[in-house]
Protein backbone atom coordinates (compact mmCIF):
# COMPACT_ATOMS: atom_id res chain seq x y z
CA MET A 1 95.27 139.93 46.58
CA LYS A 2 96.28 137.68 49.50
CA LEU A 3 94.77 140.19 51.94
CA ILE A 4 91.45 140.19 50.05
CA ASN A 5 91.38 136.37 50.08
CA LYS A 6 92.01 136.36 53.85
CA ILE A 7 89.23 138.91 54.43
CA VAL A 8 86.77 136.94 52.28
CA LEU A 9 87.71 133.72 54.08
CA PHE A 10 87.28 135.39 57.48
CA ILE A 11 83.83 136.76 56.56
CA ALA A 12 82.75 133.38 55.18
CA ALA A 13 83.90 131.64 58.37
CA CYS A 14 81.95 134.13 60.50
CA LEU A 15 78.78 133.67 58.44
CA CYS A 16 79.05 129.89 58.61
CA THR A 17 79.49 130.02 62.39
CA VAL A 18 76.41 132.22 62.74
CA LEU A 19 74.35 129.93 60.51
CA VAL A 20 75.42 126.76 62.35
CA VAL A 21 74.63 128.08 65.84
CA ALA A 22 71.26 129.58 64.86
CA GLN A 23 69.41 127.21 67.19
CA SER A 24 67.96 127.37 70.67
CA ASP A 25 69.71 126.25 73.83
CA ASN A 26 66.49 126.75 75.81
CA CYS A 27 63.62 124.26 75.87
CA ASN A 28 60.98 127.01 75.92
CA THR A 29 62.28 128.43 72.64
CA ALA A 30 63.27 125.14 71.00
CA THR A 31 64.15 125.27 67.31
CA VAL A 32 61.16 123.99 65.31
CA ILE A 33 61.79 121.12 62.90
CA ASN A 34 59.22 120.85 60.12
CA LEU A 35 58.91 117.26 58.93
CA THR A 36 58.50 116.68 55.20
CA ASN A 37 56.86 113.32 54.51
CA GLY A 38 57.64 112.44 58.14
CA SER A 39 61.38 113.12 57.96
CA ALA A 40 63.90 115.91 58.44
CA CYS A 41 67.60 116.39 59.12
CA VAL A 42 69.16 119.53 60.59
CA ASN A 43 72.76 120.50 61.26
CA GLY A 44 73.52 121.85 64.72
CA THR A 45 76.22 122.42 67.28
CA THR A 46 76.62 122.56 71.02
CA LEU A 47 79.39 125.17 70.67
CA ASN A 48 78.39 128.32 72.59
CA ALA A 49 75.38 126.54 74.10
CA THR A 50 74.64 126.97 77.79
CA SER A 51 73.46 124.62 80.50
CA ASN A 52 70.08 124.72 82.19
CA ASN A 53 71.72 122.93 85.16
CA THR A 54 69.33 119.99 84.95
CA MET A 55 70.44 116.39 85.34
CA TYR A 56 68.47 113.84 83.31
CA GLY A 57 68.34 110.68 85.40
CA THR A 58 70.98 108.13 84.52
CA CYS A 59 71.87 109.91 81.28
CA ASN A 60 73.99 112.58 82.91
CA THR A 61 74.99 113.19 86.50
CA ASN A 62 76.44 116.63 85.78
CA PRO A 63 74.89 119.59 83.97
CA VAL A 64 75.54 119.67 80.21
CA ASN A 65 75.49 122.41 77.57
CA ASP A 66 72.36 121.60 75.61
CA VAL A 67 70.45 122.60 72.49
CA TRP A 68 66.72 122.01 71.97
CA TYR A 69 64.53 121.06 69.02
CA THR A 70 60.81 120.40 68.73
CA PHE A 71 58.53 118.78 66.15
CA VAL A 72 55.03 117.35 65.90
CA ALA A 73 54.95 113.58 65.39
CA SER A 74 53.39 112.54 62.10
CA GLY A 75 53.65 108.84 62.92
CA SER A 76 53.53 106.62 65.99
CA GLN A 77 57.11 105.37 65.52
CA ASN A 78 59.83 108.03 65.85
CA ASP A 79 63.47 107.23 65.05
CA PHE A 80 66.20 109.69 66.05
CA THR A 81 69.78 109.78 64.76
CA ILE A 82 72.64 112.02 65.87
CA ILE A 83 75.68 111.87 63.58
CA PRO A 84 78.62 113.64 65.27
CA ASN A 85 80.67 116.16 63.33
CA GLY A 86 83.03 117.22 66.13
CA LEU A 87 80.62 116.40 68.98
CA THR A 88 81.63 113.45 71.16
CA ASN A 89 79.65 111.45 73.75
CA ALA A 90 76.33 112.48 72.18
CA GLU A 91 73.30 112.54 74.48
CA ILE A 92 69.62 112.83 73.58
CA VAL A 93 66.69 113.51 75.92
CA ILE A 94 63.13 113.03 74.65
CA ASP A 95 60.31 114.99 76.33
CA ILE A 96 56.60 115.00 75.48
CA ASP A 97 55.06 117.04 78.30
CA GLY A 98 56.69 120.40 77.75
CA CYS A 99 59.52 122.26 79.38
CA ALA A 100 58.10 123.40 82.71
CA ASN A 101 58.71 120.34 84.89
CA ASN A 102 62.20 119.22 83.76
CA SER A 103 60.97 115.64 83.33
CA PHE A 104 61.54 113.43 80.31
CA VAL A 105 60.33 110.13 78.87
CA SER A 106 63.57 108.70 77.52
CA CYS A 107 67.27 109.42 77.12
CA ALA A 108 70.24 107.75 75.48
CA ASN A 109 74.00 108.25 75.17
CA ALA A 110 76.70 107.29 72.70
CA THR A 111 80.42 107.06 73.39
CA GLY A 112 83.18 108.85 71.52
CA ASN A 113 82.18 109.92 68.03
CA ASN A 114 79.76 107.02 67.52
CA THR A 115 76.39 107.69 65.89
CA LEU A 116 73.51 107.71 68.37
CA ASN A 117 70.33 105.91 67.25
CA THR A 118 67.22 105.63 69.39
CA SER A 119 63.45 105.34 68.92
CA TRP A 120 60.35 106.33 70.83
CA GLY A 121 56.67 105.74 70.16
CA VAL A 122 54.21 108.61 70.64
CA THR A 123 50.68 109.39 69.60
CA ILE A 124 50.38 111.05 66.19
CA GLY A 125 50.05 114.81 66.64
CA THR A 126 52.07 114.91 69.88
CA GLN A 127 54.60 117.72 70.18
CA VAL A 128 58.01 116.29 71.04
CA TRP A 129 60.96 118.21 72.51
CA ILE A 130 64.50 116.91 71.96
CA MET A 131 67.59 117.95 73.92
CA ILE A 132 71.01 117.24 72.41
CA ALA A 133 74.26 117.61 74.34
CA SER A 134 77.76 116.24 74.81
CA ASN A 135 77.81 114.15 77.98
CA GLY A 136 81.31 114.75 79.28
CA GLY A 137 82.85 114.83 75.82
CA THR A 138 83.78 117.53 73.33
CA GLU A 139 81.32 120.21 72.31
CA GLY A 140 80.88 120.37 68.54
CA GLY A 141 78.74 119.95 65.47
CA PHE A 142 76.31 117.19 64.57
CA GLN A 143 73.54 116.24 62.17
CA PHE A 144 70.21 115.39 63.82
CA CYS A 145 67.63 113.38 61.87
CA VAL A 146 64.01 112.53 62.73
CA ASP A 147 61.88 109.88 61.00
CA SER A 148 58.25 109.85 62.18
CA TYR A 149 56.10 107.14 60.58
CA ASP A 150 53.55 104.43 61.22
CA PRO A 151 55.22 101.02 61.33
CA PRO A 152 53.81 98.35 59.02
CA PRO A 153 51.44 95.88 60.67
CA GLY A 154 53.00 92.65 61.83
CA ASN A 155 51.57 89.23 62.59
CA GLY A 156 48.39 89.48 64.60
CA ASN A 157 47.68 93.11 63.67
CA ILE A 158 45.39 92.30 60.73
CA CYS A 159 42.53 89.80 60.59
CA ASN A 160 43.83 87.29 58.07
CA THR A 161 47.15 86.85 59.92
CA ALA A 162 45.79 87.03 63.48
CA ILE A 163 47.20 84.61 66.00
CA PRO A 164 44.39 82.29 67.15
CA VAL A 165 43.56 82.47 70.84
CA CYS A 166 41.62 79.21 70.74
CA ASP A 167 40.68 76.60 68.16
CA VAL A 168 36.96 76.64 67.36
CA ASN A 169 37.10 72.98 66.35
CA GLN A 170 38.49 71.79 69.68
CA VAL A 171 36.17 70.78 72.53
CA TYR A 172 37.06 72.36 75.84
CA ASN A 173 36.09 70.65 79.09
CA ILE A 174 35.38 73.25 81.76
CA PRO A 175 34.74 71.90 85.27
CA ASN A 176 31.70 73.03 87.20
CA ILE A 177 32.59 75.76 89.64
CA VAL A 178 30.48 76.17 92.75
CA PHE A 179 30.51 79.46 94.60
CA ILE A 180 29.66 79.48 98.29
């Protein structure tokens, strides 16, 4: 009976490992995230990921083992959260122009096992590529969440709360200007 339990446990561990690493570590074949009502969370890992030997500006000065995700923005405000589950020194790179040129629009890092939160505004309908890695820390699991939404209007964004540029009741004295 103990042998059967060990075999079942071993098979379950293997299946869980396969399910957790079923993601892309290549930008060109990034794992697609389908947003439901503008949001989604996926579990991932950098374990067994490989490096594309690209440094991303000030975010990392050495190549990192990275995994890639992509989604289409459903709102102009996009909030990203990486919650480590074994991963340390989380790094995120945000790209909106595809994978061919190894450029990016933004990146951010967290230290230790701290949660990484960052935001980026894009045009609705833009495809966004996200790279997640450990920047000099421990490879491991994480939960990655995306919230893509339109922010509520603030002061000055709607007519009845617009900030006045000038007062229509005030008289302005403009000096005569002579051009030569």
